């Protein structure tokens, strides 16, 4: 594996001893996951710290009824620190992840990362900062669900995918947008039709083209 991955990913890397670096290098596993692969974390099971080497991953929570709501996405070089959060006392988070593209995932086992966490203050500071950052993101999302309307959330989801795809033509389903906006697919379909009537987007089979990004941002 590319050992410079750790240097690029972890700001604390140069503060580790040679033995600590070698332990990470020797124990990290590499997995190639196909698009639409789903994994679950929680219930006391820790995957460890995961690095997205390549691809795009969606993290979400699932309701008892089977619906799900997108929490955040990770891209190339991002770290999934919440998949190891249960190694911290009193913290157990139920999360699911889905590969939105073919992905390469590197995993540092819980036992290895926990030892680093206990031995190195820089690792502990980084971990707590990352967990705090993700919880802030989730609280912001919760605030959007409580205080903003569905049309605004749908517009925001479209703009997020515009950034991800780096263009105005989005190969995205109404179901995916519904998960991002935290609502039903039928509601999103109705909103998209209104957006099309307002000349904000153009709808074709399997594709949504953004015509007026500024207009969507004002919703």
N, C-alpha and C. Protein backbone atom coordinates (compact mmCIF):
# COMPACT_ATOMS: atom_id res chain seq x y z
N UNK A 1 0.83 -1.19 0.00
CA UNK A 1 0.00 0.00 0.00
C UNK A 1 0.87 1.25 0.00
N UNK A 2 0.29 2.36 -0.36
CA UNK A 2 0.99 3.64 -0.44
C UNK A 2 1.17 4.19 0.97
N UNK A 3 2.38 4.13 1.50
CA UNK A 3 2.62 4.55 2.87
C UNK A 3 2.52 6.05 3.05
N UNK A 4 2.60 6.81 1.96
CA UNK A 4 2.44 8.26 2.10
C UNK A 4 0.98 8.62 2.41
N UNK A 5 0.08 7.64 2.28
CA UNK A 5 -1.32 7.87 2.61
C UNK A 5 -1.46 8.38 4.04
N UNK A 6 -0.72 7.78 4.97
CA UNK A 6 -0.82 8.18 6.37
C UNK A 6 -0.26 9.58 6.59
N UNK A 7 0.81 9.91 5.89
CA UNK A 7 1.39 11.25 6.01
C UNK A 7 0.41 12.32 5.54
N UNK A 8 -0.28 12.01 4.43
CA UNK A 8 -1.24 12.97 3.88
C UNK A 8 -2.50 13.09 4.73
N UNK A 9 -2.85 12.01 5.43
CA UNK A 9 -4.14 11.94 6.12
C UNK A 9 -4.08 12.44 7.56
N UNK A 10 -3.03 12.02 8.29
CA UNK A 10 -2.99 12.29 9.73
C UNK A 10 -2.01 13.41 10.06
N UNK A 11 -2.48 14.52 10.64
CA UNK A 11 -1.58 15.62 10.99
C UNK A 11 -0.61 15.25 12.12
N UNK A 12 -0.91 14.16 12.84
CA UNK A 12 -0.06 13.76 13.96
C UNK A 12 1.02 12.76 13.53
N UNK A 13 1.08 12.41 12.26
CA UNK A 13 1.94 11.31 11.81
C UNK A 13 3.40 11.48 12.22
N UNK A 14 3.94 12.67 12.03
CA UNK A 14 5.35 12.88 12.33
C UNK A 14 5.64 12.90 13.83
N UNK A 15 4.61 12.94 14.65
CA UNK A 15 4.81 12.91 16.10
C UNK A 15 4.82 11.49 16.65
N UNK A 16 4.54 10.51 15.80
CA UNK A 16 4.58 9.11 16.23
C UNK A 16 6.00 8.58 16.21
N UNK A 17 6.26 7.58 17.04
CA UNK A 17 7.55 6.92 17.02
C UNK A 17 7.62 6.00 15.80
N UNK A 18 8.82 5.56 15.46
CA UNK A 18 8.97 4.63 14.34
C UNK A 18 8.21 3.34 14.61
N UNK A 19 8.21 2.89 15.85
CA UNK A 19 7.49 1.66 16.21
C UNK A 19 5.98 1.83 16.03
N UNK A 20 5.46 2.99 16.42
CA UNK A 20 4.03 3.25 16.26
C UNK A 20 3.64 3.32 14.79
N UNK A 21 4.48 3.97 13.99
CA UNK A 21 4.21 4.04 12.55
C UNK A 21 4.20 2.64 11.94
N UNK A 22 5.18 1.83 12.33
CA UNK A 22 5.29 0.49 11.78
C UNK A 22 4.08 -0.35 12.18
N UNK A 23 3.58 -0.15 13.38
CA UNK A 23 2.41 -0.92 13.81
C UNK A 23 1.19 -0.58 12.96
N UNK A 24 1.01 0.69 12.65
CA UNK A 24 -0.09 1.08 11.78
C UNK A 24 0.09 0.48 10.39
N UNK A 25 1.29 0.62 9.86
CA UNK A 25 1.57 0.12 8.51
C UNK A 25 1.34 -1.38 8.40
N UNK A 26 1.73 -2.12 9.44
CA UNK A 26 1.65 -3.58 9.39
C UNK A 26 0.23 -4.11 9.63
N UNK A 27 -0.61 -3.32 10.26
CA UNK A 27 -1.93 -3.83 10.64
C UNK A 27 -3.09 -3.24 9.84
N UNK A 28 -2.83 -2.20 9.07
CA UNK A 28 -3.89 -1.60 8.26
C UNK A 28 -4.27 -2.54 7.11
N UNK A 29 -5.56 -2.72 6.93
CA UNK A 29 -6.04 -3.58 5.84
C UNK A 29 -6.63 -2.73 4.73
N UNK A 30 -6.56 -3.25 3.52
CA UNK A 30 -7.10 -2.57 2.35
C UNK A 30 -8.24 -3.40 1.79
N UNK A 31 -9.39 -2.76 1.57
CA UNK A 31 -10.54 -3.45 1.01
C UNK A 31 -11.07 -2.69 -0.19
N UNK A 32 -11.35 -3.41 -1.25
CA UNK A 32 -11.97 -2.83 -2.43
C UNK A 32 -13.45 -3.15 -2.37
N UNK A 33 -14.27 -2.12 -2.28
CA UNK A 33 -15.72 -2.27 -2.12
C UNK A 33 -16.43 -1.77 -3.37
N UNK A 34 -17.30 -2.60 -3.90
CA UNK A 34 -18.04 -2.21 -5.09
C UNK A 34 -19.12 -1.18 -4.77
N UNK A 35 -19.49 -0.43 -5.77
CA UNK A 35 -20.59 0.52 -5.64
C UNK A 35 -21.83 -0.17 -5.07
N UNK A 36 -22.52 0.51 -4.16
CA UNK A 36 -23.75 0.06 -3.49
C UNK A 36 -23.49 -0.93 -2.35
N UNK A 37 -22.21 -1.23 -2.06
CA UNK A 37 -21.91 -2.04 -0.87
C UNK A 37 -22.33 -1.28 0.38
N UNK A 38 -22.97 -1.95 1.32
CA UNK A 38 -23.42 -1.32 2.56
C UNK A 38 -22.76 -2.00 3.76
N UNK A 39 -22.38 -1.20 4.74
CA UNK A 39 -21.79 -1.70 5.97
C UNK A 39 -22.49 -1.04 7.15
N UNK A 40 -22.54 -1.74 8.28
CA UNK A 40 -23.19 -1.20 9.48
C UNK A 40 -22.19 -1.18 10.62
N UNK A 41 -22.24 -0.09 11.42
CA UNK A 41 -21.40 0.03 12.60
C UNK A 41 -22.27 0.33 13.81
N UNK A 42 -21.85 -0.17 14.95
CA UNK A 42 -22.60 0.11 16.18
C UNK A 42 -22.88 -1.17 16.94
N UNK A 43 -23.66 -1.02 18.02
CA UNK A 43 -23.97 -2.17 18.84
C UNK A 43 -22.75 -2.75 19.53
N UNK A 44 -21.76 -1.90 19.80
CA UNK A 44 -20.55 -2.36 20.46
C UNK A 44 -19.49 -2.87 19.51
N UNK A 45 -19.80 -2.95 18.23
CA UNK A 45 -18.83 -3.43 17.24
C UNK A 45 -18.11 -2.23 16.61
N UNK A 46 -16.80 -2.20 16.74
CA UNK A 46 -16.01 -1.11 16.17
C UNK A 46 -15.27 -1.60 14.93
N UNK A 47 -15.42 -0.87 13.86
CA UNK A 47 -14.69 -1.22 12.65
C UNK A 47 -13.23 -0.77 12.74
N UNK A 48 -12.99 0.24 13.56
CA UNK A 48 -11.69 0.89 13.57
C UNK A 48 -11.77 2.19 12.79
N UNK A 49 -10.64 2.83 12.63
CA UNK A 49 -10.60 4.09 11.89
C UNK A 49 -10.42 3.76 10.41
N UNK A 50 -11.28 4.35 9.59
CA UNK A 50 -11.26 4.05 8.16
C UNK A 50 -10.86 5.27 7.35
N UNK A 51 -10.07 5.04 6.31
CA UNK A 51 -9.65 6.08 5.39
C UNK A 51 -10.21 5.74 4.01
N UNK A 52 -10.86 6.72 3.40
CA UNK A 52 -11.35 6.52 2.04
C UNK A 52 -10.18 6.81 1.09
N UNK A 53 -9.57 5.75 0.59
CA UNK A 53 -8.45 5.92 -0.32
C UNK A 53 -8.91 6.43 -1.68
N UNK A 54 -10.02 5.87 -2.15
CA UNK A 54 -10.61 6.29 -3.42
C UNK A 54 -12.11 6.12 -3.31
N UNK A 55 -12.85 7.02 -3.97
CA UNK A 55 -14.29 6.87 -4.05
C UNK A 55 -15.08 7.85 -3.21
N UNK A 56 -16.37 7.57 -3.09
CA UNK A 56 -17.28 8.42 -2.34
C UNK A 56 -18.21 7.54 -1.51
N UNK A 57 -18.33 7.88 -0.22
CA UNK A 57 -19.10 7.07 0.72
C UNK A 57 -20.18 7.93 1.38
N UNK A 58 -21.38 7.38 1.48
CA UNK A 58 -22.48 8.07 2.16
C UNK A 58 -22.72 7.42 3.52
N UNK A 59 -22.79 8.24 4.58
CA UNK A 59 -23.12 7.75 5.91
C UNK A 59 -24.56 8.15 6.22
N UNK A 60 -25.31 7.23 6.80
CA UNK A 60 -26.72 7.49 7.05
C UNK A 60 -27.20 6.72 8.27
N UNK A 61 -28.37 7.11 8.77
CA UNK A 61 -29.04 6.37 9.83
C UNK A 61 -30.33 5.80 9.26
N UNK A 62 -30.75 4.64 9.79
CA UNK A 62 -31.92 3.94 9.29
C UNK A 62 -33.00 3.91 10.35
N UNK A 63 -34.22 4.22 9.94
CA UNK A 63 -35.36 4.20 10.85
C UNK A 63 -35.87 2.77 11.03
N UNK A 64 -36.63 2.50 12.09
CA UNK A 64 -37.22 1.17 12.27
C UNK A 64 -38.08 0.74 11.09
N UNK A 65 -38.64 1.71 10.38
CA UNK A 65 -39.48 1.40 9.23
C UNK A 65 -38.69 1.11 7.96
N UNK A 66 -37.38 1.28 8.02
CA UNK A 66 -36.54 0.96 6.87
C UNK A 66 -36.09 2.16 6.05
N UNK A 67 -36.63 3.36 6.32
CA UNK A 67 -36.18 4.55 5.61
C UNK A 67 -34.84 5.02 6.16
N UNK A 68 -34.15 5.85 5.41
CA UNK A 68 -32.88 6.35 5.91
C UNK A 68 -32.68 7.81 5.56
N UNK A 69 -31.82 8.47 6.34
CA UNK A 69 -31.51 9.88 6.17
C UNK A 69 -30.00 10.03 6.07
N UNK A 70 -29.54 10.73 5.05
CA UNK A 70 -28.11 10.97 4.86
C UNK A 70 -27.58 11.92 5.92
N UNK A 71 -26.46 11.56 6.54
CA UNK A 71 -25.82 12.42 7.54
C UNK A 71 -24.68 13.22 6.91
N UNK A 72 -23.81 12.54 6.19
CA UNK A 72 -22.69 13.23 5.54
C UNK A 72 -22.05 12.26 4.54
N UNK A 73 -21.15 12.79 3.74
CA UNK A 73 -20.40 12.00 2.78
C UNK A 73 -18.90 12.19 3.00
N UNK A 74 -18.13 11.17 2.64
CA UNK A 74 -16.68 11.25 2.68
C UNK A 74 -16.13 10.98 1.29
N UNK A 75 -15.06 11.70 0.94
CA UNK A 75 -14.44 11.59 -0.37
C UNK A 75 -13.00 11.10 -0.22
N UNK A 76 -12.27 11.07 -1.34
CA UNK A 76 -10.87 10.60 -1.33
C UNK A 76 -10.07 11.29 -0.23
N UNK A 77 -9.41 10.48 0.61
CA UNK A 77 -8.53 11.02 1.64
C UNK A 77 -9.22 11.38 2.94
N UNK A 78 -10.55 11.30 2.99
CA UNK A 78 -11.28 11.61 4.22
C UNK A 78 -11.21 10.44 5.20
N UNK A 79 -11.38 10.76 6.49
CA UNK A 79 -11.28 9.76 7.55
C UNK A 79 -12.64 9.56 8.21
N UNK A 80 -13.03 8.29 8.37
CA UNK A 80 -14.26 7.96 9.08
C UNK A 80 -13.91 7.68 10.53
N UNK A 81 -13.91 8.72 11.34
CA UNK A 81 -13.53 8.56 12.74
C UNK A 81 -14.69 8.01 13.57
N UNK A 82 -15.95 8.26 13.14
CA UNK A 82 -17.09 7.80 13.92
C UNK A 82 -17.22 6.28 13.89
N UNK A 83 -16.64 5.62 12.90
CA UNK A 83 -16.69 4.16 12.86
C UNK A 83 -15.86 3.54 13.99
N UNK A 84 -15.05 4.36 14.66
CA UNK A 84 -14.27 3.88 15.80
C UNK A 84 -14.68 4.57 17.09
N UNK A 85 -15.76 5.34 17.06
CA UNK A 85 -16.15 6.13 18.23
C UNK A 85 -16.49 5.26 19.43
N UNK A 86 -16.95 4.01 19.19
CA UNK A 86 -17.34 3.17 20.31
C UNK A 86 -16.15 2.69 21.12
N UNK A 87 -14.93 2.97 20.67
CA UNK A 87 -13.78 2.62 21.50
C UNK A 87 -13.65 3.60 22.67
N UNK A 88 -14.36 4.74 22.58
CA UNK A 88 -14.36 5.71 23.67
C UNK A 88 -15.45 5.32 24.66
N UNK A 89 -15.16 5.45 25.93
CA UNK A 89 -16.09 5.03 26.96
C UNK A 89 -17.42 5.78 26.86
N UNK A 90 -18.52 5.01 26.87
CA UNK A 90 -19.85 5.63 26.88
C UNK A 90 -20.33 6.13 25.54
N UNK A 91 -19.60 5.88 24.45
CA UNK A 91 -20.02 6.38 23.15
C UNK A 91 -20.22 5.20 22.20
N UNK A 92 -21.46 4.98 21.80
CA UNK A 92 -21.78 3.91 20.86
C UNK A 92 -22.77 4.47 19.84
N UNK A 93 -22.37 4.55 18.60
CA UNK A 93 -23.16 5.20 17.56
C UNK A 93 -23.57 4.16 16.52
N UNK A 94 -24.86 4.11 16.21
CA UNK A 94 -25.35 3.24 15.15
C UNK A 94 -25.30 3.99 13.83
N UNK A 95 -24.49 3.51 12.91
CA UNK A 95 -24.32 4.17 11.61
C UNK A 95 -24.29 3.13 10.50
N UNK A 96 -24.75 3.54 9.34
CA UNK A 96 -24.60 2.72 8.14
C UNK A 96 -23.81 3.52 7.12
N UNK A 97 -23.09 2.82 6.27
CA UNK A 97 -22.38 3.48 5.19
C UNK A 97 -22.64 2.74 3.89
N UNK A 98 -22.72 3.50 2.81
CA UNK A 98 -22.98 2.94 1.49
C UNK A 98 -21.97 3.53 0.51
N UNK A 99 -21.38 2.67 -0.30
CA UNK A 99 -20.44 3.12 -1.31
C UNK A 99 -21.22 3.68 -2.50
N UNK A 100 -21.07 4.96 -2.75
CA UNK A 100 -21.77 5.57 -3.89
C UNK A 100 -21.00 5.39 -5.19
N UNK A 101 -19.75 5.01 -5.08
CA UNK A 101 -18.92 4.64 -6.23
C UNK A 101 -18.11 3.42 -5.80
N UNK A 102 -17.39 2.82 -6.72
CA UNK A 102 -16.41 1.80 -6.32
C UNK A 102 -15.39 2.49 -5.42
N UNK A 103 -15.05 1.85 -4.30
CA UNK A 103 -14.20 2.50 -3.30
C UNK A 103 -13.04 1.61 -2.87
N UNK A 104 -11.98 2.27 -2.43
CA UNK A 104 -10.87 1.59 -1.75
C UNK A 104 -10.87 2.13 -0.32
N UNK A 105 -11.05 1.22 0.65
CA UNK A 105 -11.15 1.61 2.05
C UNK A 105 -10.00 0.98 2.83
N UNK A 106 -9.26 1.80 3.56
CA UNK A 106 -8.20 1.32 4.44
C UNK A 106 -8.70 1.37 5.88
N UNK A 107 -8.48 0.31 6.64
CA UNK A 107 -8.98 0.24 8.02
C UNK A 107 -7.85 -0.01 9.00
N UNK A 108 -7.73 0.88 9.99
CA UNK A 108 -6.80 0.69 11.11
C UNK A 108 -7.61 0.05 12.23
N UNK A 109 -7.26 -1.16 12.67
CA UNK A 109 -8.07 -1.85 13.68
C UNK A 109 -8.21 -1.05 14.98
N UNK A 110 -9.30 -1.30 15.65
CA UNK A 110 -9.60 -0.60 16.91
C UNK A 110 -8.46 -0.75 17.91
N UNK A 111 -7.96 -1.97 18.09
CA UNK A 111 -6.93 -2.21 19.12
C UNK A 111 -5.67 -1.39 18.84
N UNK A 112 -5.33 -1.23 17.56
CA UNK A 112 -4.13 -0.48 17.20
C UNK A 112 -4.35 1.01 17.43
N UNK A 113 -5.48 1.51 16.96
CA UNK A 113 -5.74 2.95 17.10
C UNK A 113 -5.96 3.31 18.57
N UNK A 114 -6.60 2.43 19.33
CA UNK A 114 -6.84 2.71 20.74
C UNK A 114 -5.52 2.85 21.50
N UNK A 115 -4.56 2.00 21.16
CA UNK A 115 -3.25 2.09 21.81
C UNK A 115 -2.59 3.43 21.49
N UNK A 116 -2.66 3.86 20.24
CA UNK A 116 -2.11 5.16 19.87
C UNK A 116 -2.82 6.28 20.61
N UNK A 117 -4.14 6.16 20.71
CA UNK A 117 -4.97 7.16 21.39
C UNK A 117 -4.53 7.30 22.85
N UNK A 118 -4.23 6.18 23.50
CA UNK A 118 -3.82 6.19 24.91
C UNK A 118 -2.40 6.69 25.09
N UNK A 119 -1.54 6.45 24.10
CA UNK A 119 -0.12 6.76 24.25
C UNK A 119 0.28 8.14 23.77
N UNK A 120 -0.47 8.69 22.82
CA UNK A 120 -0.03 9.93 22.17
C UNK A 120 -1.11 11.01 22.29
N UNK A 121 -0.77 12.11 22.92
CA UNK A 121 -1.76 13.18 23.12
C UNK A 121 -2.19 13.80 21.80
N UNK A 122 -1.29 13.82 20.80
CA UNK A 122 -1.65 14.39 19.50
C UNK A 122 -2.73 13.56 18.82
N UNK A 123 -2.68 12.24 18.99
CA UNK A 123 -3.72 11.36 18.43
C UNK A 123 -5.03 11.60 19.15
N UNK A 124 -4.97 11.74 20.46
CA UNK A 124 -6.18 11.98 21.24
C UNK A 124 -6.81 13.32 20.84
N UNK A 125 -6.01 14.36 20.70
CA UNK A 125 -6.54 15.67 20.31
C UNK A 125 -7.18 15.61 18.92
N UNK A 126 -6.52 14.94 17.99
CA UNK A 126 -7.05 14.80 16.63
C UNK A 126 -8.38 14.06 16.65
N UNK A 127 -8.43 12.97 17.39
CA UNK A 127 -9.65 12.15 17.45
C UNK A 127 -10.82 12.94 18.00
N UNK A 128 -10.61 13.63 19.10
CA UNK A 128 -11.70 14.38 19.71
C UNK A 128 -12.13 15.54 18.83
N UNK A 129 -11.18 16.16 18.13
CA UNK A 129 -11.51 17.26 17.22
C UNK A 129 -12.36 16.75 16.05
N UNK A 130 -12.00 15.58 15.51
CA UNK A 130 -12.74 15.02 14.39
C UNK A 130 -14.15 14.59 14.80
N UNK A 131 -14.26 13.96 15.97
CA UNK A 131 -15.58 13.55 16.46
C UNK A 131 -16.45 14.77 16.72
N UNK A 132 -15.86 15.80 17.34
CA UNK A 132 -16.61 17.04 17.59
C UNK A 132 -17.08 17.68 16.29
N UNK A 133 -16.21 17.67 15.28
CA UNK A 133 -16.56 18.26 13.98
C UNK A 133 -17.74 17.52 13.34
N UNK A 134 -17.71 16.18 13.40
CA UNK A 134 -18.80 15.41 12.81
C UNK A 134 -20.10 15.61 13.56
N UNK A 135 -20.03 15.69 14.88
CA UNK A 135 -21.25 15.94 15.65
C UNK A 135 -21.80 17.33 15.36
N UNK A 136 -20.93 18.29 15.12
CA UNK A 136 -21.39 19.64 14.74
C UNK A 136 -22.11 19.59 13.40
N UNK A 137 -21.56 18.80 12.45
CA UNK A 137 -22.22 18.64 11.16
C UNK A 137 -23.61 18.02 11.32
N UNK A 138 -23.69 17.00 12.18
CA UNK A 138 -24.97 16.31 12.38
C UNK A 138 -25.97 17.24 13.07
N UNK A 139 -25.51 18.04 14.02
CA UNK A 139 -26.41 18.98 14.70
C UNK A 139 -26.90 20.04 13.73
N UNK A 140 -26.02 20.48 12.82
CA UNK A 140 -26.45 21.44 11.79
C UNK A 140 -27.53 20.82 10.92
N UNK A 141 -27.34 19.55 10.56
CA UNK A 141 -28.33 18.85 9.74
C UNK A 141 -29.66 18.74 10.48
N UNK A 142 -29.60 18.39 11.76
CA UNK A 142 -30.81 18.31 12.57
C UNK A 142 -31.53 19.64 12.61
N UNK A 143 -30.76 20.71 12.74
CA UNK A 143 -31.34 22.05 12.75
C UNK A 143 -32.05 22.34 11.43
N UNK A 144 -31.47 21.88 10.31
CA UNK A 144 -32.11 22.07 9.01
C UNK A 144 -33.43 21.32 8.94
N UNK A 145 -33.46 20.11 9.47
CA UNK A 145 -34.68 19.33 9.44
C UNK A 145 -35.79 19.96 10.27
N UNK A 146 -35.39 20.59 11.37
CA UNK A 146 -36.38 21.16 12.29
C UNK A 146 -36.87 22.52 11.80
N UNK A 147 -35.95 23.35 11.30
CA UNK A 147 -36.30 24.74 11.05
C UNK A 147 -36.40 25.15 9.57
N UNK A 148 -36.01 24.28 8.65
CA UNK A 148 -36.14 24.65 7.25
C UNK A 148 -37.19 23.78 6.57
N UNK A 149 -37.72 24.26 5.44
CA UNK A 149 -38.74 23.48 4.76
C UNK A 149 -38.12 22.48 3.80
N UNK A 150 -38.94 21.57 3.30
CA UNK A 150 -38.44 20.48 2.46
C UNK A 150 -37.89 21.01 1.14
N UNK A 151 -38.52 22.04 0.58
CA UNK A 151 -38.04 22.61 -0.67
C UNK A 151 -36.62 23.14 -0.51
N UNK A 152 -36.35 23.80 0.61
CA UNK A 152 -35.02 24.33 0.87
C UNK A 152 -34.00 23.21 1.01
N UNK A 153 -34.38 22.13 1.71
CA UNK A 153 -33.46 21.00 1.88
C UNK A 153 -33.20 20.30 0.55
N UNK A 154 -34.23 20.21 -0.28
CA UNK A 154 -34.05 19.58 -1.60
C UNK A 154 -33.13 20.42 -2.47
N UNK A 155 -33.31 21.74 -2.45
CA UNK A 155 -32.43 22.63 -3.20
C UNK A 155 -30.99 22.50 -2.70
N UNK A 156 -30.83 22.43 -1.39
CA UNK A 156 -29.49 22.26 -0.82
C UNK A 156 -28.85 20.96 -1.24
N UNK A 157 -29.65 19.89 -1.29
CA UNK A 157 -29.13 18.59 -1.71
C UNK A 157 -28.68 18.63 -3.17
N UNK A 158 -29.46 19.30 -4.01
CA UNK A 158 -29.08 19.44 -5.42
C UNK A 158 -27.75 20.19 -5.55
N UNK A 159 -27.59 21.25 -4.79
CA UNK A 159 -26.35 22.03 -4.86
C UNK A 159 -25.16 21.24 -4.33
N UNK A 160 -25.39 20.40 -3.31
CA UNK A 160 -24.31 19.55 -2.80
C UNK A 160 -23.85 18.57 -3.88
N UNK A 161 -24.81 17.95 -4.57
CA UNK A 161 -24.45 17.00 -5.62
C UNK A 161 -23.79 17.72 -6.81
N UNK A 162 -24.15 18.97 -7.03
CA UNK A 162 -23.49 19.75 -8.08
C UNK A 162 -22.01 19.89 -7.78
N UNK A 163 -21.68 20.11 -6.51
CA UNK A 163 -20.27 20.20 -6.11
C UNK A 163 -19.59 18.84 -6.25
N UNK A 164 -20.28 17.79 -5.80
CA UNK A 164 -19.69 16.45 -5.88
C UNK A 164 -19.42 16.03 -7.31
N UNK A 165 -20.36 16.34 -8.20
CA UNK A 165 -20.22 15.93 -9.60
C UNK A 165 -19.42 16.93 -10.42
N UNK A 166 -19.15 18.10 -9.83
CA UNK A 166 -18.39 19.16 -10.50
C UNK A 166 -19.02 19.54 -11.85
N UNK A 167 -20.34 19.67 -11.83
CA UNK A 167 -21.05 20.05 -13.04
C UNK A 167 -22.54 20.17 -12.78
N UNK A 168 -23.26 20.66 -13.77
CA UNK A 168 -24.70 20.90 -13.61
C UNK A 168 -25.56 19.70 -13.97
N UNK A 169 -25.00 18.71 -14.66
CA UNK A 169 -25.76 17.53 -15.01
C UNK A 169 -25.55 16.44 -13.95
N UNK A 170 -26.64 16.09 -13.26
CA UNK A 170 -26.57 15.16 -12.15
C UNK A 170 -27.25 13.85 -12.50
N UNK A 171 -26.50 12.77 -12.47
CA UNK A 171 -27.07 11.44 -12.65
C UNK A 171 -27.50 10.94 -11.27
N UNK A 172 -28.66 11.37 -10.83
CA UNK A 172 -29.10 11.11 -9.47
C UNK A 172 -30.59 10.80 -9.47
N UNK A 173 -31.00 9.90 -8.61
CA UNK A 173 -32.41 9.52 -8.55
C UNK A 173 -33.16 10.39 -7.55
N UNK A 174 -34.48 10.41 -7.70
CA UNK A 174 -35.32 11.13 -6.75
C UNK A 174 -35.21 10.48 -5.37
N UNK A 175 -34.99 9.17 -5.34
CA UNK A 175 -34.86 8.45 -4.07
C UNK A 175 -33.63 8.93 -3.30
N UNK A 176 -32.54 9.11 -4.00
CA UNK A 176 -31.32 9.59 -3.34
C UNK A 176 -31.51 11.00 -2.78
N UNK A 177 -32.14 11.87 -3.55
CA UNK A 177 -32.42 13.22 -3.06
C UNK A 177 -33.33 13.19 -1.85
N UNK A 178 -34.30 12.28 -1.85
CA UNK A 178 -35.23 12.17 -0.73
C UNK A 178 -34.48 11.79 0.55
N UNK A 179 -33.52 10.89 0.42
CA UNK A 179 -32.72 10.50 1.59
C UNK A 179 -31.88 11.67 2.09
N UNK A 180 -31.34 12.45 1.17
CA UNK A 180 -30.54 13.60 1.57
C UNK A 180 -31.40 14.68 2.23
N UNK A 181 -32.63 14.82 1.75
CA UNK A 181 -33.51 15.87 2.28
C UNK A 181 -34.34 15.39 3.46
N UNK A 182 -34.28 14.10 3.75
CA UNK A 182 -35.03 13.57 4.89
C UNK A 182 -36.53 13.59 4.68
N UNK A 183 -36.97 13.17 3.50
CA UNK A 183 -38.40 13.18 3.22
C UNK A 183 -38.73 12.02 2.27
N UNK A 184 -39.98 11.95 1.84
CA UNK A 184 -40.41 10.86 0.96
C UNK A 184 -40.08 11.17 -0.50
N UNK A 185 -39.88 10.12 -1.29
CA UNK A 185 -39.55 10.29 -2.70
C UNK A 185 -40.66 11.05 -3.43
N UNK A 186 -41.91 10.76 -3.09
CA UNK A 186 -43.02 11.42 -3.76
C UNK A 186 -43.00 12.93 -3.53
N UNK A 187 -42.58 13.34 -2.33
CA UNK A 187 -42.50 14.76 -2.01
C UNK A 187 -41.41 15.42 -2.85
N UNK A 188 -40.26 14.76 -2.96
CA UNK A 188 -39.16 15.31 -3.76
C UNK A 188 -39.56 15.41 -5.23
N UNK A 189 -40.24 14.40 -5.73
CA UNK A 189 -40.69 14.43 -7.13
C UNK A 189 -41.59 15.64 -7.38
N UNK A 190 -42.50 15.89 -6.46
CA UNK A 190 -43.40 17.04 -6.58
C UNK A 190 -42.62 18.36 -6.56
N UNK A 191 -41.64 18.45 -5.66
CA UNK A 191 -40.84 19.68 -5.55
C UNK A 191 -40.00 19.89 -6.81
N UNK A 192 -39.44 18.80 -7.34
CA UNK A 192 -38.63 18.92 -8.56
C UNK A 192 -39.46 19.38 -9.74
N UNK A 193 -40.67 18.93 -9.81
CA UNK A 193 -41.54 19.38 -10.89
C UNK A 193 -41.81 20.88 -10.77
N UNK A 194 -41.94 21.36 -9.53
CA UNK A 194 -42.13 22.79 -9.33
C UNK A 194 -40.86 23.56 -9.69
N UNK A 195 -39.69 22.99 -9.32
CA UNK A 195 -38.42 23.61 -9.68
C UNK A 195 -38.30 23.71 -11.21
N UNK A 196 -38.76 22.66 -11.90
CA UNK A 196 -38.71 22.68 -13.35
C UNK A 196 -39.64 23.75 -13.92
N UNK A 197 -40.82 23.88 -13.34
CA UNK A 197 -41.76 24.91 -13.78
C UNK A 197 -41.18 26.31 -13.56
N UNK A 198 -40.37 26.44 -12.51
CA UNK A 198 -39.74 27.73 -12.21
C UNK A 198 -38.43 27.94 -12.97
N UNK A 199 -38.11 26.97 -13.86
CA UNK A 199 -36.91 27.02 -14.70
C UNK A 199 -35.61 27.01 -13.89
N UNK A 200 -35.66 26.31 -12.76
CA UNK A 200 -34.45 26.13 -11.95
C UNK A 200 -33.69 24.88 -12.35
N UNK A 201 -34.44 23.86 -12.79
CA UNK A 201 -33.83 22.61 -13.21
C UNK A 201 -34.55 22.09 -14.46
N UNK A 202 -33.92 21.12 -15.12
CA UNK A 202 -34.58 20.39 -16.22
C UNK A 202 -34.52 18.91 -15.87
N UNK A 203 -35.67 18.24 -15.96
CA UNK A 203 -35.76 16.84 -15.60
C UNK A 203 -35.82 15.98 -16.85
N UNK A 204 -34.95 15.00 -16.93
CA UNK A 204 -35.01 13.98 -17.98
C UNK A 204 -34.84 12.63 -17.30
N UNK A 205 -35.05 11.58 -18.01
CA UNK A 205 -35.01 10.25 -17.41
C UNK A 205 -33.61 9.95 -16.83
N UNK A 206 -33.57 9.74 -15.51
CA UNK A 206 -32.32 9.41 -14.84
C UNK A 206 -31.36 10.55 -14.68
N UNK A 207 -31.79 11.78 -14.99
CA UNK A 207 -30.87 12.92 -14.93
C UNK A 207 -31.60 14.19 -14.51
N UNK A 208 -30.92 15.01 -13.75
CA UNK A 208 -31.42 16.33 -13.38
C UNK A 208 -30.36 17.34 -13.78
N UNK A 209 -30.73 18.33 -14.57
CA UNK A 209 -29.80 19.37 -14.99
C UNK A 209 -30.14 20.67 -14.26
N UNK A 210 -29.17 21.21 -13.57
CA UNK A 210 -29.37 22.47 -12.85
C UNK A 210 -29.22 23.63 -13.84
N UNK A 211 -30.26 24.45 -13.92
CA UNK A 211 -30.26 25.59 -14.84
C UNK A 211 -29.95 26.90 -14.13
N UNK A 212 -30.30 26.98 -12.85
CA UNK A 212 -30.13 28.23 -12.10
C UNK A 212 -29.70 27.91 -10.68
N UNK A 213 -28.39 27.77 -10.48
CA UNK A 213 -27.85 27.43 -9.15
C UNK A 213 -28.11 28.55 -8.16
N UNK A 214 -28.00 29.80 -8.60
CA UNK A 214 -28.25 30.93 -7.71
C UNK A 214 -29.70 30.94 -7.23
N UNK A 215 -30.60 30.60 -8.14
CA UNK A 215 -32.02 30.53 -7.77
C UNK A 215 -32.27 29.46 -6.73
N UNK A 216 -31.64 28.30 -6.88
CA UNK A 216 -31.79 27.23 -5.89
C UNK A 216 -31.23 27.66 -4.53
N UNK A 217 -30.12 28.38 -4.56
CA UNK A 217 -29.50 28.82 -3.31
C UNK A 217 -30.38 29.81 -2.54
N UNK A 218 -31.27 30.51 -3.26
CA UNK A 218 -32.13 31.48 -2.59
C UNK A 218 -33.37 30.84 -1.97
N UNK A 219 -33.63 29.60 -2.24
CA UNK A 219 -34.85 28.96 -1.72
C UNK A 219 -34.73 28.71 -0.22
